[in-house]
C-alpha cells in the first residue's frame, strides 16, 4: 500500500520544502521545475479533487488557487499536521492510494512525487479502483519519477552513484519506480487513455482520462 515508507517522512517533514525548492543538492535534478510541475497537475485537474500524498500541501495550494474543492489523503500524521496548520479549512484524511474514504465524489484524482510508493501490482489495483470511482471523462493526474526502461533506470542510478548522491541512490533502489511501457499498459488496461509528458530528467506528467 506504500505505507512501508510512511515513517521516512517523520524526519523529512522538517526539511521537505527546502528539498523541493532545490536546496538539497542530491535531489536538485529530481525537483527541477517543481512549481511548474505542480501547476501542470493543478491545471489539468477537474473538481472535485481527491489528492493523494498531500505532504506539506504544496499541490493542494495550487488546486485551491483554482477554486477547486479538494479532499486530501495522507498516511503520515506529521505531514497531515503541517498541512492542517497551513490550510486549516482543508479536509485531510488518513489514507493512501488504495484505501481511502472521502466525503466527495471526485472528478479527478491527483498526486505529485508519490505514486512510486506502490509496486506495479499495487499501481494496477489503484487504477482499477479509480476506474470504478470516476465518471466517464474523469481524470487521474499524477506527476512522478518514471523511467524509459529498466536499462535507463540502471544507467541513471550508476550516474548518481558516480556523483556521490548516496541518499538518492538508496531511494531509487528502495522504492518502486516503474517504466513508461509498464505504466501505459496498466493504465490503458484499466480503461483509460493516457498521455505522458516529460517535465524533467526524472519526472513525467501522467494524464489519464477514463473512457
C-alpha atoms as a PDB file:
ATOM      1  CA  UNK A   1       0.000   0.000   0.000  1.00  0.00           C
ATOM      2  CA  UNK A   2       3.036   2.265   0.081  1.00  0.00           C
ATOM      3  CA  UNK A   3       2.767   2.589   3.853  1.00  0.00           C
ATOM      4  CA  UNK A   4       6.130   0.890   4.355  1.00  0.00           C
ATOM      5  CA  UNK A   5       7.650   4.294   3.550  1.00  0.00           C
ATOM      6  CA  UNK A   6       5.461   6.387   5.862  1.00  0.00           C
ATOM      7  CA  UNK A   7       7.993   6.700   8.684  1.00  0.00           C
ATOM      8  CA  UNK A   8      10.606   8.199   6.338  1.00  0.00           C
ATOM      9  CA  UNK A   9       8.513  11.358   6.267  1.00  0.00           C
ATOM     10  CA  UNK A  10       8.558  11.764  10.051  1.00  0.00           C
ATOM     11  CA  UNK A  11      12.081  13.124   9.557  1.00  0.00           C
ATOM     12  CA  UNK A  12      11.742  14.597   6.054  1.00  0.00           C
ATOM     13  CA  UNK A  13       8.737  16.695   7.058  1.00  0.00           C
ATOM     14  CA  UNK A  14      11.144  19.200   8.678  1.00  0.00           C
ATOM     15  CA  UNK A  15      13.218  19.790   5.517  1.00  0.00           C
ATOM     16  CA  UNK A  16      10.851  18.689   2.730  1.00  0.00           C
ATOM     17  CA  UNK A  17      10.059  22.174   1.464  1.00  0.00           C
ATOM     18  CA  UNK A  18      13.766  23.038   1.370  1.00  0.00           C
ATOM     19  CA  UNK A  19      14.438  19.903  -0.693  1.00  0.00           C
ATOM     20  CA  UNK A  20      11.717  20.545  -3.254  1.00  0.00           C
ATOM     21  CA  UNK A  21      12.869  24.134  -3.671  1.00  0.00           C
ATOM     22  CA  UNK A  22      16.326  22.999  -4.777  1.00  0.00           C
ATOM     23  CA  UNK A  23      18.290  23.336  -1.550  1.00  0.00           C
ATOM     24  CA  UNK A  24      19.210  19.635  -1.391  1.00  0.00           C
ATOM     25  CA  UNK A  25      21.967  19.069  -3.948  1.00  0.00           C
ATOM     26  CA  UNK A  26      21.269  15.337  -4.244  1.00  0.00           C
ATOM     27  CA  UNK A  27      17.616  15.861  -5.180  1.00  0.00           C
ATOM     28  CA  UNK A  28      18.012  19.068  -7.202  1.00  0.00           C
ATOM     29  CA  UNK A  29      17.508  17.338 -10.560  1.00  0.00           C
ATOM     30  CA  UNK A  30      14.501  15.373  -9.284  1.00  0.00           C
ATOM     31  CA  UNK A  31      12.756  18.548  -8.172  1.00  0.00           C
ATOM     32  CA  UNK A  32      13.819  20.714 -11.129  1.00  0.00           C
ATOM     33  CA  UNK A  33      10.832  22.854 -12.219  1.00  0.00           C
ATOM     34  CA  UNK A  34       8.959  21.708  -9.110  1.00  0.00           C
ATOM     35  CA  UNK A  35       6.432  24.534  -9.062  1.00  0.00           C
ATOM     36  CA  UNK A  36       5.870  24.255 -12.797  1.00  0.00           C
ATOM     37  CA  UNK A  37       5.209  20.528 -12.402  1.00  0.00           C
ATOM     38  CA  UNK A  38       2.709  21.073  -9.601  1.00  0.00           C
ATOM     39  CA  UNK A  39       0.996  23.779 -11.615  1.00  0.00           C
ATOM     40  CA  UNK A  40       0.663  21.418 -14.576  1.00  0.00           C
ATOM     41  CA  UNK A  41      -1.069  18.872 -12.339  1.00  0.00           C
ATOM     42  CA  UNK A  42      -3.386  21.509 -10.891  1.00  0.00           C
ATOM     43  CA  UNK A  43      -4.223  22.973 -14.293  1.00  0.00           C
ATOM     44  CA  UNK A  44      -5.259  19.558 -15.657  1.00  0.00           C
ATOM     45  CA  UNK A  45      -7.473  18.664 -12.689  1.00  0.00           C
ATOM     46  CA  UNK A  46     -11.259  18.705 -12.662  1.00  0.00           C
ATOM     47  CA  UNK A  47     -13.103  19.399  -9.439  1.00  0.00           C
ATOM     48  CA  UNK A  48     -13.970  17.990  -7.002  1.00  0.00           C
ATOM     49  CA  UNK A  49     -10.477  16.592  -6.459  1.00  0.00           C
ATOM     50  CA  UNK A  50      -9.018  13.882  -4.252  1.00  0.00           C
ATOM     51  CA  UNK A  51      -5.289  14.422  -3.735  1.00  0.00           C
ATOM     52  CA  UNK A  52      -3.099  11.515  -2.641  1.00  0.00           C
ATOM     53  CA  UNK A  53       0.097  12.088  -0.673  1.00  0.00           C
ATOM     54  CA  UNK A  54      -0.652  15.670   0.293  1.00  0.00           C
ATOM     55  CA  UNK A  55       2.644  16.062   2.149  1.00  0.00           C
ATOM     56  CA  UNK A  56       3.130  19.689   3.164  1.00  0.00           C
ATOM     57  CA  UNK A  57       0.287  20.871   0.943  1.00  0.00           C
ATOM     58  CA  UNK A  58       2.188  22.448  -1.944  1.00  0.00           C
ATOM     59  CA  UNK A  59      -0.006  20.942  -4.667  1.00  0.00           C
ATOM     60  CA  UNK A  60      -3.076  21.477  -2.503  1.00  0.00           C
ATOM     61  CA  UNK A  61      -2.403  25.216  -2.505  1.00  0.00           C
ATOM     62  CA  UNK A  62      -2.323  25.322  -6.296  1.00  0.00           C
ATOM     63  CA  UNK A  63      -5.574  23.365  -6.522  1.00  0.00           C
ATOM     64  CA  UNK A  64      -7.224  25.785  -4.106  1.00  0.00           C
ATOM     65  CA  UNK A  65      -5.966  28.735  -6.154  1.00  0.00           C
ATOM     66  CA  UNK A  66      -8.103  27.343  -8.974  1.00  0.00           C
ATOM     67  CA  UNK A  67     -11.078  27.326  -6.596  1.00  0.00           C
ATOM     68  CA  UNK A  68     -11.364  23.544  -6.773  1.00  0.00           C
ATOM     69  CA  UNK A  69     -12.911  21.539  -3.955  1.00  0.00           C
ATOM     70  CA  UNK A  70     -10.134  19.361  -2.534  1.00  0.00           C
ATOM     71  CA  UNK A  71     -10.001  16.477  -0.091  1.00  0.00           C
ATOM     72  CA  UNK A  72      -6.507  15.328   0.831  1.00  0.00           C
ATOM     73  CA  UNK A  73      -5.410  11.766   1.570  1.00  0.00           C
ATOM     74  CA  UNK A  74      -2.150  11.460   3.530  1.00  0.00           C
ATOM     75  CA  UNK A  75      -0.870   8.445   5.521  1.00  0.00           C
ATOM     76  CA  UNK A  76       1.754  10.337   7.525  1.00  0.00           C
ATOM     77  CA  UNK A  77       0.457  12.069  10.645  1.00  0.00           C
ATOM     78  CA  UNK A  78       3.261  14.640  10.743  1.00  0.00           C
ATOM     79  CA  UNK A  79       2.532  15.701   7.175  1.00  0.00           C
ATOM     80  CA  UNK A  80      -1.203  15.956   7.915  1.00  0.00           C
ATOM     81  CA  UNK A  81      -0.436  18.217  10.861  1.00  0.00           C
ATOM     82  CA  UNK A  82       1.707  20.537   8.725  1.00  0.00           C
ATOM     83  CA  UNK A  83      -0.989  20.824   6.076  1.00  0.00           C
ATOM     84  CA  UNK A  84      -3.695  21.410   8.678  1.00  0.00           C
ATOM     85  CA  UNK A  85      -1.660  24.306  10.093  1.00  0.00           C
ATOM     86  CA  UNK A  86      -1.022  25.828   6.650  1.00  0.00           C
ATOM     87  CA  UNK A  87      -4.581  25.287   5.376  1.00  0.00           C
ATOM     88  CA  UNK A  88      -6.912  24.715   8.330  1.00  0.00           C
ATOM     89  CA  UNK A  89     -10.005  24.644   6.134  1.00  0.00           C
ATOM     90  CA  UNK A  90      -8.908  21.693   4.029  1.00  0.00           C
ATOM     91  CA  UNK A  91     -10.061  18.187   4.903  1.00  0.00           C
ATOM     92  CA  UNK A  92      -7.038  15.843   5.020  1.00  0.00           C
ATOM     93  CA  UNK A  93      -7.800  12.244   5.960  1.00  0.00           C
ATOM     94  CA  UNK A  94      -5.625   9.296   6.929  1.00  0.00           C
ATOM     95  CA  UNK A  95      -5.434   7.012   3.905  1.00  0.00           C
ATOM     96  CA  UNK A  96      -3.401   6.023   0.870  1.00  0.00           C
ATOM     97  CA  UNK A  97      -3.681   5.336  -2.863  1.00  0.00           C
ATOM     98  CA  UNK A  98      -5.682   2.160  -2.286  1.00  0.00           C
ATOM     99  CA  UNK A  99      -7.507   2.698   0.993  1.00  0.00           C
ATOM    100  CA  UNK A 100      -9.428   5.925   1.454  1.00  0.00           C
ATOM    101  CA  UNK A 101     -12.922   7.157   2.264  1.00  0.00           C
ATOM    102  CA  UNK A 102     -13.791  10.694   1.222  1.00  0.00           C
ATOM    103  CA  UNK A 103     -16.939  12.814   1.616  1.00  0.00           C
ATOM    104  CA  UNK A 104     -16.931  13.807  -2.071  1.00  0.00           C
ATOM    105  CA  UNK A 105     -17.462  12.109  -5.415  1.00  0.00           C
ATOM    106  CA  UNK A 106     -14.305  13.096  -7.295  1.00  0.00           C
ATOM    107  CA  UNK A 107     -13.925  14.126 -10.888  1.00  0.00           C
ATOM    108  CA  UNK A 108     -10.137  13.854 -10.531  1.00  0.00           C
ATOM    109  CA  UNK A 109      -7.501  12.012  -8.563  1.00  0.00           C
ATOM    110  CA  UNK A 110      -4.195  13.877  -8.372  1.00  0.00           C
ATOM    111  CA  UNK A 111      -0.787  13.316  -6.823  1.00  0.00           C
ATOM    112  CA  UNK A 112       2.788  14.509  -7.031  1.00  0.00           C
ATOM    113  CA  UNK A 113       6.010  12.633  -6.256  1.00  0.00           C
ATOM    114  CA  UNK A 114       4.270   9.727  -4.501  1.00  0.00           C
ATOM    115  CA  UNK A 115       2.920   7.027  -6.845  1.00  0.00           C
ATOM    116  CA  UNK A 116       6.311   5.251  -6.783  1.00  0.00           C
ATOM    117  CA  UNK A 117       5.486   4.120  -3.247  1.00  0.00           C
ATOM    118  CA  UNK A 118       3.299   1.442  -4.849  1.00  0.00           C
ATOM    119  CA  UNK A 119       4.550  -1.716  -6.552  1.00  0.00           C
ATOM    120  CA  UNK A 120       3.474  -2.263 -10.159  1.00  0.00           C
ATOM    121  CA  UNK A 121       0.863  -4.731  -8.894  1.00  0.00           C
ATOM    122  CA  UNK A 122      -0.479  -2.101  -6.497  1.00  0.00           C
ATOM    123  CA  UNK A 123      -0.414   0.560  -9.225  1.00  0.00           C
ATOM    124  CA  UNK A 124      -2.568  -1.771 -11.324  1.00  0.00           C
ATOM    125  CA  UNK A 125      -5.003  -2.214  -8.434  1.00  0.00           C
ATOM    126  CA  UNK A 126      -5.093   1.545  -7.927  1.00  0.00           C
ATOM    127  CA  UNK A 127      -6.091   2.362 -11.497  1.00  0.00           C
ATOM    128  CA  UNK A 128      -8.777  -0.325 -11.465  1.00  0.00           C
ATOM    129  CA  UNK A 129     -10.137   1.297  -8.312  1.00  0.00           C
ATOM    130  CA  UNK A 130     -10.041   4.772  -9.855  1.00  0.00           C
ATOM    131  CA  UNK A 131     -11.895   3.481 -12.909  1.00  0.00           C
ATOM    132  CA  UNK A 132     -14.676   2.324 -10.583  1.00  0.00           C
ATOM    133  CA  UNK A 133     -14.887   5.640  -8.762  1.00  0.00           C
ATOM    134  CA  UNK A 134     -14.601   8.106 -11.651  1.00  0.00           C
ATOM    135  CA  UNK A 135     -17.275   9.012 -14.196  1.00  0.00           C
ATOM    136  CA  UNK A 136     -16.558   8.886 -17.923  1.00  0.00           C
ATOM    137  CA  UNK A 137     -14.186  11.753 -18.702  1.00  0.00           C
ATOM    138  CA  UNK A 138     -12.830  11.742 -15.147  1.00  0.00           C
ATOM    139  CA  UNK A 139      -9.116  12.317 -14.735  1.00  0.00           C
ATOM    140  CA  UNK A 140      -6.119  10.854 -12.956  1.00  0.00           C
ATOM    141  CA  UNK A 141      -3.312  13.427 -12.999  1.00  0.00           C
ATOM    142  CA  UNK A 142      -0.078  12.272 -11.403  1.00  0.00           C
ATOM    143  CA  UNK A 143       3.447  13.663 -11.551  1.00  0.00           C
ATOM    144  CA  UNK A 144       6.117  11.144 -10.640  1.00  0.00           C
ATOM    145  CA  UNK A 145       9.507   9.719 -11.496  1.00  0.00           C
ATOM    146  CA  UNK A 146       9.213   7.195 -14.327  1.00  0.00           C
ATOM    147  CA  UNK A 147      11.985   5.637 -16.419  1.00  0.00           C
ATOM    148  CA  UNK A 148      12.060   4.896 -20.142  1.00  0.00           C
ATOM    149  CA  UNK A 149      13.209   1.348 -19.392  1.00  0.00           C
ATOM    150  CA  UNK A 150      14.863  -0.748 -16.713  1.00  0.00           C
ATOM    151  CA  UNK A 151      18.165  -0.194 -18.511  1.00  0.00           C
ATOM    152  CA  UNK A 152      17.804   3.587 -18.379  1.00  0.00           C
ATOM    153  CA  UNK A 153      16.987   3.304 -14.676  1.00  0.00           C
ATOM    154  CA  UNK A 154      20.227   1.363 -14.102  1.00  0.00           C
ATOM    155  CA  UNK A 155      22.182   3.970 -16.047  1.00  0.00           C
ATOM    156  CA  UNK A 156      20.755   6.860 -14.028  1.00  0.00           C
ATOM    157  CA  UNK A 157      21.474   5.063 -10.749  1.00  0.00           C
ATOM    158  CA  UNK A 158      25.064   4.490 -11.879  1.00  0.00           C
ATOM    159  CA  UNK A 159      25.325   8.172 -12.828  1.00  0.00           C
ATOM    160  CA  UNK A 160      24.075   9.286  -9.411  1.00  0.00           C
ATOM    161  CA  UNK A 161      26.426   6.831  -7.677  1.00  0.00           C
ATOM    162  CA  UNK A 162      29.324   8.413  -9.564  1.00  0.00           C
ATOM    163  CA  UNK A 163      28.201  11.819  -8.308  1.00  0.00           C
ATOM    164  CA  UNK A 164      28.214  10.544  -4.718  1.00  0.00           C
ATOM    165  CA  UNK A 165      24.478  11.036  -4.247  1.00  0.00           C
ATOM    166  CA  UNK A 166      24.098   8.158  -1.807  1.00  0.00           C
ATOM    167  CA  UNK A 167      20.710   9.195  -0.414  1.00  0.00           C
ATOM    168  CA  UNK A 168      19.159   9.499  -3.873  1.00  0.00           C
ATOM    169  CA  UNK A 169      20.691   6.191  -4.960  1.00  0.00           C
ATOM    170  CA  UNK A 170      19.249   4.489  -1.880  1.00  0.00           C
ATOM    171  CA  UNK A 171      15.857   5.994  -2.718  1.00  0.00           C
ATOM    172  CA  UNK A 172      15.982   4.857  -6.356  1.00  0.00           C
ATOM    173  CA  UNK A 173      16.931   1.323  -5.360  1.00  0.00           C
ATOM    174  CA  UNK A 174      14.470   1.032  -2.467  1.00  0.00           C
ATOM    175  CA  UNK A 175      11.211   2.354  -3.889  1.00  0.00           C
ATOM    176  CA  UNK A 176       9.067   1.112  -6.757  1.00  0.00           C
ATOM    177  CA  UNK A 177       9.875   3.336  -9.712  1.00  0.00           C
ATOM    178  CA  UNK A 178       8.274   1.915 -12.837  1.00  0.00           C
ATOM    179  CA  UNK A 179       8.825   2.268 -16.588  1.00  0.00           C
ATOM    180  CA  UNK A 180       6.826   4.058 -19.257  1.00  0.00           C
ATOM    181  CA  UNK A 181       5.756   0.863 -21.096  1.00  0.00           C
ATOM    182  CA  UNK A 182       4.535  -0.774 -17.886  1.00  0.00           C
ATOM    183  CA  UNK A 183       2.705   2.341 -16.732  1.00  0.00           C
ATOM    184  CA  UNK A 184       0.995   2.849 -20.084  1.00  0.00           C
ATOM    185  CA  UNK A 185      -0.060  -0.792 -20.145  1.00  0.00           C
ATOM    186  CA  UNK A 186      -1.636  -0.880 -16.693  1.00  0.00           C
ATOM    187  CA  UNK A 187      -3.440   2.430 -17.193  1.00  0.00           C
ATOM    188  CA  UNK A 188      -4.960   1.539 -20.554  1.00  0.00           C
ATOM    189  CA  UNK A 189      -5.991  -1.919 -19.342  1.00  0.00           C
ATOM    190  CA  UNK A 190      -7.917  -0.217 -16.531  1.00  0.00           C
ATOM    191  CA  UNK A 191      -9.998   1.687 -19.097  1.00  0.00           C
ATOM    192  CA  UNK A 192      -8.207   4.988 -19.540  1.00  0.00           C
ATOM    193  CA  UNK A 193      -6.465   6.841 -22.297  1.00  0.00           C
ATOM    194  CA  UNK A 194      -3.079   8.130 -21.191  1.00  0.00           C
ATOM    195  CA  UNK A 195      -0.615  10.843 -22.132  1.00  0.00           C
ATOM    196  CA  UNK A 196       2.851  11.169 -20.612  1.00  0.00           C
ATOM    197  CA  UNK A 197       4.804  14.421 -20.820  1.00  0.00           C
ATOM    198  CA  UNK A 198       8.412  14.676 -19.670  1.00  0.00           C
ATOM    199  CA  UNK A 199       8.849  17.525 -17.188  1.00  0.00           C
ATOM    200  CA  UNK A 200      12.499  16.988 -16.229  1.00  0.00           C
ATOM    201  CA  UNK A 201      15.032  14.149 -16.435  1.00  0.00           C
ATOM    202  CA  UNK A 202      13.139  12.234 -13.753  1.00  0.00           C
ATOM    203  CA  UNK A 203       9.528  13.322 -13.667  1.00  0.00           C
ATOM    204  CA  UNK A 204       6.679  12.764 -16.101  1.00  0.00           C
ATOM    205  CA  UNK A 205       3.235  14.308 -16.032  1.00  0.00           C
ATOM    206  CA  UNK A 206       0.789  11.403 -16.308  1.00  0.00           C
ATOM    207  CA  UNK A 207      -2.641  12.398 -17.653  1.00  0.00           C
ATOM    208  CA  UNK A 208      -5.188   9.576 -17.727  1.00  0.00           C
ATOM    209  CA  UNK A 209      -8.793  10.057 -18.845  1.00  0.00           C
ATOM    210  CA  UNK A 210     -11.495   7.472 -18.172  1.00  0.00           C
ATOM    211  CA  UNK A 211     -13.186   6.204 -21.300  1.00  0.00           C
END
